[in-house]
Amino acid sequence: MKLAISGKGGVGKSTLAAALSLIMGERGVRVLAVDADPDANLAAALGFTLEEQRSIVPISRQVDLIEERTGAKVNQYGQVFTMNPDVDDIAEEYASKKHGVSLLVLGAVKRGGGGCACPENVLLKALVADLILYNDQALVMDMEAGIEHLGRATTSGVDTMVIVVEPGARSLEGARRIVEMGREIGLDRFAVVANKVQDSDDAAFIADSLADLDILEYLPFSDALRRADRPGVSVLDGADGELRKRFEKILDTLEKR
């Protein structure tokens, strides 16, 4: 199963991505969690200690790796380099492991210069395509607020794009934009997880605003999760029994599809 999880910043993408990854790990599934959000929070949500988080170097900053695989120097222009670098061993070699989950942090995709066909971007795009289309592990990709890392070549490998929303107009409008962008590149499998829902009015507002989308679950605002947001504490450590059941229900529904 290959999942891309997106949504406006701060809605709880990393929380959901970590919870689904950790539950899969507990169930004995070989799962790779990919942090594709420049505001990288997935390691913390998975329960990595602060020291472990600081030791993780994003792939976009692995200069020796980028130069070896692309045949070009980083931060130099006017070079000829391979557009199809060998990437199939990167997940195994560079992933950090915790609680049965392998984590790969991609780092930022540069946007300058009309798309920036630079060695870093070429390597990242090739890596994402390989992970989605050819890697045999389950994949949970914590996206930035959009679909920047995806392209038409990879859409066939994405089982579902899960969009996390909260009961606010900007979050819901962001969800609609993500769906629009996704459909432009051929994605047609979307689902929504509503987070930080405090009452029936919140749930109704989300349901009415996204009536054409499948809402998998309404997650309540969790003060326990907020209090548990500490280095070395995973989202499942902070989730009470009811919230954990809801995470499990989301995963079960996605697996049945």
C-alpha atoms as a PDB file:
ATOM      1  CA  MET A   1       0.000   0.000   0.000  1.00  0.00           C
ATOM      2  CA  LYS A   2       1.324   3.418  -1.008  1.00  0.00           C
ATOM      3  CA  LEU A   3      -0.224   6.454   0.706  1.00  0.00           C
ATOM      4  CA  ALA A   4       0.448  10.151   0.133  1.00  0.00           C
ATOM      5  CA  ILE A   5      -0.733  12.329   3.009  1.00  0.00           C
ATOM      6  CA  SER A   6      -1.237  16.023   2.356  1.00  0.00           C
ATOM      7  CA  GLY A   7      -3.018  19.065   3.745  1.00  0.00           C
ATOM      8  CA  LYS A   8      -2.437  22.582   4.948  1.00  0.00           C
ATOM      9  CA  GLY A   9       0.442  23.046   7.394  1.00  0.00           C
ATOM     10  CA  GLY A  10      -0.458  22.414  11.021  1.00  0.00           C
ATOM     11  CA  VAL A  11      -3.545  20.280  10.443  1.00  0.00           C
ATOM     12  CA  GLY A  12      -1.924  17.062  11.686  1.00  0.00           C
ATOM     13  CA  LYS A  13      -0.432  15.423   8.581  1.00  0.00           C
ATOM     14  CA  SER A  14       2.630  14.178  10.433  1.00  0.00           C
ATOM     15  CA  THR A  15       0.489  12.908  13.299  1.00  0.00           C
ATOM     16  CA  LEU A  16      -1.614  10.780  10.963  1.00  0.00           C
ATOM     17  CA  ALA A  17       1.368   9.633   8.882  1.00  0.00           C
ATOM     18  CA  ALA A  18       3.231   8.553  12.004  1.00  0.00           C
ATOM     19  CA  ALA A  19       0.230   6.796  13.534  1.00  0.00           C
ATOM     20  CA  LEU A  20      -0.479   4.776  10.378  1.00  0.00           C
ATOM     21  CA  SER A  21       3.203   3.901   9.973  1.00  0.00           C
ATOM     22  CA  LEU A  22       3.603   2.822  13.602  1.00  0.00           C
ATOM     23  CA  ILE A  23       0.484   0.653  13.516  1.00  0.00           C
ATOM     24  CA  MET A  24       1.701  -1.027  10.339  1.00  0.00           C
ATOM     25  CA  GLY A  25       5.042  -1.620  12.017  1.00  0.00           C
ATOM     26  CA  GLU A  26       3.311  -3.183  15.005  1.00  0.00           C
ATOM     27  CA  ARG A  27       1.425  -5.472  12.648  1.00  0.00           C
ATOM     28  CA  GLY A  28       4.656  -6.735  11.137  1.00  0.00           C
ATOM     29  CA  VAL A  29       4.386  -4.796   7.884  1.00  0.00           C
ATOM     30  CA  ARG A  30       7.628  -3.564   6.330  1.00  0.00           C
ATOM     31  CA  VAL A  31       6.845   0.132   6.161  1.00  0.00           C
ATOM     32  CA  LEU A  32       8.824   3.108   4.940  1.00  0.00           C
ATOM     33  CA  ALA A  33       7.740   6.520   6.240  1.00  0.00           C
ATOM     34  CA  VAL A  34       8.950   9.321   3.972  1.00  0.00           C
ATOM     35  CA  ASP A  35       9.089  12.898   5.225  1.00  0.00           C
ATOM     36  CA  ALA A  36       8.649  14.993   2.081  1.00  0.00           C
ATOM     37  CA  ASP A  37       7.666  18.141   3.965  1.00  0.00           C
ATOM     38  CA  PRO A  38      10.416  20.781   4.250  1.00  0.00           C
ATOM     39  CA  ASP A  39       9.066  21.546   7.731  1.00  0.00           C
ATOM     40  CA  ALA A  40      10.129  18.062   8.794  1.00  0.00           C
ATOM     41  CA  ASN A  41       8.192  16.780  11.822  1.00  0.00           C
ATOM     42  CA  LEU A  42       7.723  13.111  11.063  1.00  0.00           C
ATOM     43  CA  ALA A  43      10.748  11.916  13.038  1.00  0.00           C
ATOM     44  CA  ALA A  44       9.411  13.586  16.169  1.00  0.00           C
ATOM     45  CA  ALA A  45       5.941  12.111  15.623  1.00  0.00           C
ATOM     46  CA  LEU A  46       7.478   8.650  15.257  1.00  0.00           C
ATOM     47  CA  GLY A  47       9.194   9.009  18.623  1.00  0.00           C
ATOM     48  CA  PHE A  48      12.798   9.729  17.660  1.00  0.00           C
ATOM     49  CA  THR A  49      14.737  11.393  20.449  1.00  0.00           C
ATOM     50  CA  LEU A  50      16.088  14.904  19.929  1.00  0.00           C
ATOM     51  CA  GLU A  51      19.611  13.529  19.500  1.00  0.00           C
ATOM     52  CA  GLU A  52      18.392  11.012  16.921  1.00  0.00           C
ATOM     53  CA  GLN A  53      16.494  13.724  15.043  1.00  0.00           C
ATOM     54  CA  ARG A  54      19.587  15.923  14.869  1.00  0.00           C
ATOM     55  CA  SER A  55      21.622  13.052  13.436  1.00  0.00           C
ATOM     56  CA  ILE A  56      19.329  12.633  10.420  1.00  0.00           C
ATOM     57  CA  VAL A  57      20.664  14.338   7.289  1.00  0.00           C
ATOM     58  CA  PRO A  58      17.980  14.890   4.607  1.00  0.00           C
ATOM     59  CA  ILE A  59      18.686  13.340   1.229  1.00  0.00           C
ATOM     60  CA  SER A  60      18.672  16.802  -0.369  1.00  0.00           C
ATOM     61  CA  ARG A  61      21.721  17.660   1.782  1.00  0.00           C
ATOM     62  CA  GLN A  62      23.659  14.442   1.131  1.00  0.00           C
ATOM     63  CA  VAL A  63      26.132  16.194  -1.169  1.00  0.00           C
ATOM     64  CA  ASP A  64      28.429  13.223  -1.751  1.00  0.00           C
ATOM     65  CA  LEU A  65      25.484  10.990  -2.624  1.00  0.00           C
ATOM     66  CA  ILE A  66      23.956  13.549  -5.006  1.00  0.00           C
ATOM     67  CA  GLU A  67      27.224  14.157  -6.813  1.00  0.00           C
ATOM     68  CA  GLU A  68      28.040  10.452  -7.072  1.00  0.00           C
ATOM     69  CA  ARG A  69      24.648   9.474  -8.493  1.00  0.00           C
ATOM     70  CA  THR A  70      24.105  12.418 -10.848  1.00  0.00           C
ATOM     71  CA  GLY A  71      27.689  13.016 -11.927  1.00  0.00           C
ATOM     72  CA  ALA A  72      27.406  16.752 -11.237  1.00  0.00           C
ATOM     73  CA  LYS A  73      28.586  19.154  -8.581  1.00  0.00           C
ATOM     74  CA  VAL A  74      26.007  20.677  -6.258  1.00  0.00           C
ATOM     75  CA  ASN A  75      25.490  24.465  -6.619  1.00  0.00           C
ATOM     76  CA  GLN A  76      27.252  24.706  -9.955  1.00  0.00           C
ATOM     77  CA  TYR A  77      25.454  25.679 -13.144  1.00  0.00           C
ATOM     78  CA  GLY A  78      25.865  24.800 -16.805  1.00  0.00           C
ATOM     79  CA  GLN A  79      26.664  21.141 -16.103  1.00  0.00           C
ATOM     80  CA  VAL A  80      25.650  18.014 -17.962  1.00  0.00           C
ATOM     81  CA  PHE A  81      24.423  15.273 -15.638  1.00  0.00           C
ATOM     82  CA  THR A  82      22.334  12.135 -15.669  1.00  0.00           C
ATOM     83  CA  MET A  83      18.572  12.618 -15.443  1.00  0.00           C
ATOM     84  CA  ASN A  84      18.032   8.975 -14.396  1.00  0.00           C
ATOM     85  CA  PRO A  85      20.303   8.396 -11.406  1.00  0.00           C
ATOM     86  CA  ASP A  86      20.531   5.021  -9.711  1.00  0.00           C
ATOM     87  CA  VAL A  87      18.427   5.317  -6.532  1.00  0.00           C
ATOM     88  CA  ASP A  88      17.107   1.836  -5.731  1.00  0.00           C
ATOM     89  CA  ASP A  89      19.438   1.293  -2.760  1.00  0.00           C
ATOM     90  CA  ILE A  90      18.963   4.689  -1.079  1.00  0.00           C
ATOM     91  CA  ALA A  91      15.992   3.770   1.103  1.00  0.00           C
ATOM     92  CA  GLU A  92      17.813   0.800   2.589  1.00  0.00           C
ATOM     93  CA  GLU A  93      21.122   2.606   3.048  1.00  0.00           C
ATOM     94  CA  TYR A  94      19.932   5.971   4.356  1.00  0.00           C
ATOM     95  CA  ALA A  95      16.742   5.230   6.297  1.00  0.00           C
ATOM     96  CA  SER A  96      16.677   5.570  10.098  1.00  0.00           C
ATOM     97  CA  LYS A  97      14.717   2.950  12.019  1.00  0.00           C
ATOM     98  CA  LYS A  98      12.449   3.338  15.037  1.00  0.00           C
ATOM     99  CA  HIS A  99       9.600   1.255  16.481  1.00  0.00           C
ATOM    100  CA  GLY A 100       9.492  -1.031  13.452  1.00  0.00           C
ATOM    101  CA  VAL A 101       9.338   1.861  10.969  1.00  0.00           C
ATOM    102  CA  SER A 102      12.029   2.972   8.515  1.00  0.00           C
ATOM    103  CA  LEU A 103      12.178   6.756   8.066  1.00  0.00           C
ATOM    104  CA  LEU A 104      13.619   8.605   5.091  1.00  0.00           C
ATOM    105  CA  VAL A 105      13.772  12.412   5.206  1.00  0.00           C
ATOM    106  CA  LEU A 106      13.896  13.974   1.739  1.00  0.00           C
ATOM    107  CA  GLY A 107      14.368  17.654   2.504  1.00  0.00           C
ATOM    108  CA  ALA A 108      13.292  20.626   0.429  1.00  0.00           C
ATOM    109  CA  VAL A 109      12.650  20.627  -3.291  1.00  0.00           C
ATOM    110  CA  LYS A 110      14.136  23.767  -4.812  1.00  0.00           C
ATOM    111  CA  ARG A 111      11.765  25.861  -6.886  1.00  0.00           C
ATOM    112  CA  GLY A 112      13.996  28.508  -8.435  1.00  0.00           C
ATOM    113  CA  GLY A 113      14.841  28.852 -12.094  1.00  0.00           C
ATOM    114  CA  GLY A 114      11.665  27.519 -13.654  1.00  0.00           C
ATOM    115  CA  GLY A 115      11.585  24.210 -11.823  1.00  0.00           C
ATOM    116  CA  CYS A 116      15.287  23.939 -11.022  1.00  0.00           C
ATOM    117  CA  ALA A 117      16.568  20.988 -13.038  1.00  0.00           C
ATOM    118  CA  CYS A 118      19.451  20.739 -10.581  1.00  0.00           C
ATOM    119  CA  PRO A 119      21.152  17.572  -9.298  1.00  0.00           C
ATOM    120  CA  GLU A 120      19.330  17.654  -5.947  1.00  0.00           C
ATOM    121  CA  ASN A 121      15.893  17.824  -7.554  1.00  0.00           C
ATOM    122  CA  VAL A 122      16.701  15.203 -10.158  1.00  0.00           C
ATOM    123  CA  LEU A 123      17.797  12.775  -7.449  1.00  0.00           C
ATOM    124  CA  LEU A 124      14.746  13.474  -5.241  1.00  0.00           C
ATOM    125  CA  LYS A 125      12.270  13.058  -8.089  1.00  0.00           C
ATOM    126  CA  ALA A 126      13.910   9.821  -9.213  1.00  0.00           C
ATOM    127  CA  LEU A 127      13.912   8.560  -5.626  1.00  0.00           C
ATOM    128  CA  VAL A 128      10.230   9.330  -5.075  1.00  0.00           C
ATOM    129  CA  ALA A 129       9.309   7.603  -8.333  1.00  0.00           C
ATOM    130  CA  ASP A 130      11.321   4.531  -7.332  1.00  0.00           C
ATOM    131  CA  LEU A 131       9.763   4.375  -3.863  1.00  0.00           C
ATOM    132  CA  ILE A 132       6.226   4.655  -5.217  1.00  0.00           C
ATOM    133  CA  LEU A 133       6.527   2.443  -8.286  1.00  0.00           C
ATOM    134  CA  TYR A 134       9.169  -0.168  -7.486  1.00  0.00           C
ATOM    135  CA  ASN A 135       9.958  -0.388  -3.762  1.00  0.00           C
ATOM    136  CA  ASP A 136       8.243  -3.417  -2.230  1.00  0.00           C
ATOM    137  CA  GLN A 137       7.666  -1.853   1.214  1.00  0.00           C
ATOM    138  CA  ALA A 138       4.457  -0.189   2.301  1.00  0.00           C
ATOM    139  CA  LEU A 139       4.898   3.553   1.907  1.00  0.00           C
ATOM    140  CA  VAL A 140       3.479   6.463   3.891  1.00  0.00           C
ATOM    141  CA  MET A 141       4.598   9.808   2.474  1.00  0.00           C
ATOM    142  CA  ASP A 142       4.110  12.911   4.603  1.00  0.00           C
ATOM    143  CA  MET A 143       3.753  15.571   1.901  1.00  0.00           C
ATOM    144  CA  GLU A 144       4.053  19.313   2.111  1.00  0.00           C
ATOM    145  CA  ALA A 145       0.840  21.310   1.590  1.00  0.00           C
ATOM    146  CA  GLY A 146       0.396  20.171  -1.996  1.00  0.00           C
ATOM    147  CA  ILE A 147       1.692  17.540  -4.425  1.00  0.00           C
ATOM    148  CA  GLU A 148       5.145  18.945  -5.189  1.00  0.00           C
ATOM    149  CA  HIS A 149       6.964  15.607  -5.013  1.00  0.00           C
ATOM    150  CA  LEU A 150       4.487  13.762  -7.236  1.00  0.00           C
ATOM    151  CA  GLY A 151       4.279  13.691 -11.026  1.00  0.00           C
ATOM    152  CA  ARG A 152       2.281  12.018 -13.753  1.00  0.00           C
ATOM    153  CA  ALA A 153       4.706   9.107 -13.868  1.00  0.00           C
ATOM    154  CA  THR A 154       4.060   8.224 -10.217  1.00  0.00           C
ATOM    155  CA  THR A 155       0.280   8.589  -9.943  1.00  0.00           C
ATOM    156  CA  SER A 156      -0.400   4.985 -10.964  1.00  0.00           C
ATOM    157  CA  GLY A 157       1.491   3.786  -7.901  1.00  0.00           C
ATOM    158  CA  VAL A 158      -0.305   5.923  -5.321  1.00  0.00           C
ATOM    159  CA  ASP A 159      -3.180   3.921  -3.838  1.00  0.00           C
ATOM    160  CA  THR A 160      -4.779   6.905  -2.082  1.00  0.00           C
ATOM    161  CA  MET A 161      -3.993  10.521  -1.384  1.00  0.00           C
ATOM    162  CA  VAL A 162      -5.244  11.200   2.134  1.00  0.00           C
ATOM    163  CA  ILE A 163      -5.941  14.870   2.808  1.00  0.00           C
ATOM    164  CA  VAL A 164      -5.978  15.948   6.443  1.00  0.00           C
ATOM    165  CA  VAL A 165      -8.228  18.906   7.247  1.00  0.00           C
ATOM    166  CA  GLU A 166      -9.377  20.833  10.282  1.00  0.00           C
ATOM    167  CA  PRO A 167     -12.630  22.779  10.721  1.00  0.00           C
ATOM    168  CA  GLY A 168     -11.416  26.023   9.193  1.00  0.00           C
ATOM    169  CA  ALA A 169     -12.113  27.686   5.851  1.00  0.00           C
ATOM    170  CA  ARG A 170      -8.443  27.930   4.837  1.00  0.00           C
ATOM    171  CA  SER A 171      -7.826  24.257   5.539  1.00  0.00           C
ATOM    172  CA  LEU A 172     -10.870  23.180   3.528  1.00  0.00           C
ATOM    173  CA  GLU A 173     -10.033  25.467   0.623  1.00  0.00           C
ATOM    174  CA  GLY A 174      -6.518  24.030   0.698  1.00  0.00           C
ATOM    175  CA  ALA A 175      -7.986  20.527   0.452  1.00  0.00           C
ATOM    176  CA  ARG A 176      -9.961  21.491  -2.632  1.00  0.00           C
ATOM    177  CA  ARG A 177      -6.820  22.915  -4.253  1.00  0.00           C
ATOM    178  CA  ILE A 178      -4.901  19.709  -3.503  1.00  0.00           C
ATOM    179  CA  VAL A 179      -7.644  17.649  -5.160  1.00  0.00           C
ATOM    180  CA  GLU A 180      -7.627  19.960  -8.177  1.00  0.00           C
ATOM    181  CA  MET A 181      -3.839  19.739  -8.551  1.00  0.00           C
ATOM    182  CA  GLY A 182      -3.926  15.980  -8.049  1.00  0.00           C
ATOM    183  CA  ARG A 183      -6.534  15.455 -10.732  1.00  0.00           C
ATOM    184  CA  GLU A 184      -4.450  17.517 -13.144  1.00  0.00           C
ATOM    185  CA  ILE A 185      -1.680  14.911 -12.965  1.00  0.00           C
ATOM    186  CA  GLY A 186      -4.024  11.919 -13.033  1.00  0.00           C
ATOM    187  CA  LEU A 187      -4.688  11.151  -9.361  1.00  0.00           C
ATOM    188  CA  ASP A 188      -8.240   9.963  -8.840  1.00  0.00           C
ATOM    189  CA  ARG A 189      -8.218   8.306  -5.416  1.00  0.00           C
ATOM    190  CA  PHE A 190      -8.708  10.806  -2.611  1.00  0.00           C
ATOM    191  CA  ALA A 191      -9.893  10.467   0.971  1.00  0.00           C
ATOM    192  CA  VAL A 192     -10.206  12.940   3.826  1.00  0.00           C
ATOM    193  CA  VAL A 193      -9.421  12.663   7.517  1.00  0.00           C
ATOM    194  CA  ALA A 194     -10.947  15.449   9.578  1.00  0.00           C
ATOM    195  CA  ASN A 195      -8.797  16.385  12.569  1.00  0.00           C
ATOM    196  CA  LYS A 196      -9.273  18.617  15.640  1.00  0.00           C
ATOM    197  CA  VAL A 197     -13.053  18.191  15.504  1.00  0.00           C
ATOM    198  CA  GLN A 198     -14.576  19.444  18.748  1.00  0.00           C
ATOM    199  CA  ASP A 199     -18.317  19.103  18.182  1.00  0.00           C
ATOM    200  CA  SER A 200     -21.079  18.241  15.720  1.00  0.00           C
ATOM    201  CA  ASP A 201     -20.982  21.743  14.217  1.00  0.00           C
ATOM    202  CA  ASP A 202     -17.316  21.239  13.269  1.00  0.00           C
ATOM    203  CA  ALA A 203     -18.138  17.865  11.697  1.00  0.00           C
ATOM    204  CA  ALA A 204     -21.103  19.267   9.774  1.00  0.00           C
ATOM    205  CA  PHE A 205     -19.058  22.213   8.482  1.00  0.00           C
ATOM    206  CA  ILE A 206     -16.414  19.855   7.100  1.00  0.00           C
ATOM    207  CA  ALA A 207     -18.962  17.414   5.652  1.00  0.00           C
ATOM    208  CA  ASP A 208     -20.889  20.189   3.894  1.00  0.00           C
ATOM    209  CA  SER A 209     -17.739  21.815   2.530  1.00  0.00           C
ATOM    210  CA  LEU A 210     -16.288  18.569   1.168  1.00  0.00           C
ATOM    211  CA  ALA A 211     -19.497  16.798   0.245  1.00  0.00           C
ATOM    212  CA  ASP A 212     -17.991  15.325  -2.913  1.00  0.00           C
ATOM    213  CA  LEU A 213     -15.099  13.656  -1.065  1.00  0.00           C
ATOM    214  CA  ASP A 214     -14.948  10.517   1.059  1.00  0.00           C
ATOM    215  CA  ILE A 215     -14.352  11.399   4.720  1.00  0.00           C
ATOM    216  CA  LEU A 216     -12.754   8.400   6.401  1.00  0.00           C
ATOM    217  CA  GLU A 217     -12.881   9.572  10.000  1.00  0.00           C
ATOM    218  CA  TYR A 218     -13.452  12.533  12.297  1.00  0.00           C
ATOM    219  CA  LEU A 219     -10.645  12.746  14.847  1.00  0.00           C
ATOM    220  CA  PRO A 220     -11.335  14.756  18.000  1.00  0.00           C
ATOM    221  CA  PHE A 221      -9.064  17.511  19.230  1.00  0.00           C
ATOM    222  CA  SER A 222      -6.662  15.696  21.559  1.00  0.00           C
ATOM    223  CA  ASP A 223      -5.159  17.527  24.485  1.00  0.00           C
ATOM    224  CA  ALA A 224      -3.312  14.317  25.367  1.00  0.00           C
ATOM    225  CA  LEU A 225      -1.484  14.391  22.036  1.00  0.00           C
ATOM    226  CA  ARG A 226      -0.554  18.024  22.564  1.00  0.00           C
ATOM    227  CA  ARG A 227       0.864  17.269  26.004  1.00  0.00           C
ATOM    228  CA  ALA A 228       2.739  14.253  24.647  1.00  0.00           C
ATOM    229  CA  ASP A 229       4.526  16.311  21.984  1.00  0.00           C
ATOM    230  CA  ARG A 230       7.965  15.668  23.468  1.00  0.00           C
ATOM    231  CA  PRO A 231      11.209  14.248  22.048  1.00  0.00           C
ATOM    232  CA  GLY A 232      11.205  10.462  22.229  1.00  0.00           C
ATOM    233  CA  VAL A 233       7.415  10.227  22.573  1.00  0.00           C
ATOM    234  CA  SER A 234       5.501   8.914  19.566  1.00  0.00           C
ATOM    235  CA  VAL A 235       1.959   9.894  18.636  1.00  0.00           C
ATOM    236  CA  LEU A 236       0.770   6.449  19.695  1.00  0.00           C
ATOM    237  CA  ASP A 237       2.371   6.943  23.113  1.00  0.00           C
ATOM    238  CA  GLY A 238       0.214  10.046  23.502  1.00  0.00           C
ATOM    239  CA  ALA A 239      -2.993   8.638  22.036  1.00  0.00           C
ATOM    240  CA  ASP A 240      -5.662   7.291  24.356  1.00  0.00           C
ATOM    241  CA  GLY A 241      -7.451   4.023  23.599  1.00  0.00           C
ATOM    242  CA  GLU A 242     -10.291   5.641  21.669  1.00  0.00           C
ATOM    243  CA  LEU A 243      -8.022   7.741  19.458  1.00  0.00           C
ATOM    244  CA  ARG A 244      -5.829   4.729  18.743  1.00  0.00           C
ATOM    245  CA  LYS A 245      -8.916   2.776  17.631  1.00  0.00           C
ATOM    246  CA  ARG A 246      -9.762   5.558  15.213  1.00  0.00           C
ATOM    247  CA  PHE A 247      -6.273   5.478  13.728  1.00  0.00           C
ATOM    248  CA  GLU A 248      -6.592   1.701  13.347  1.00  0.00           C
ATOM    249  CA  LYS A 249      -9.986   2.100  11.690  1.00  0.00           C
ATOM    250  CA  ILE A 250      -8.523   4.529   9.135  1.00  0.00           C
ATOM    251  CA  LEU A 251      -5.742   2.095   8.289  1.00  0.00           C
ATOM    252  CA  ASP A 252      -8.132  -0.859   8.061  1.00  0.00           C
ATOM    253  CA  THR A 253     -10.376   1.077   5.665  1.00  0.00           C
ATOM    254  CA  LEU A 254      -7.456   2.085   3.466  1.00  0.00           C
ATOM    255  CA  GLU A 255      -6.113  -1.485   3.383  1.00  0.00           C
ATOM    256  CA  LYS A 256      -9.497  -2.891   2.316  1.00  0.00           C
ATOM    257  CA  ARG A 257      -9.440  -0.593  -0.696  1.00  0.00           C
END
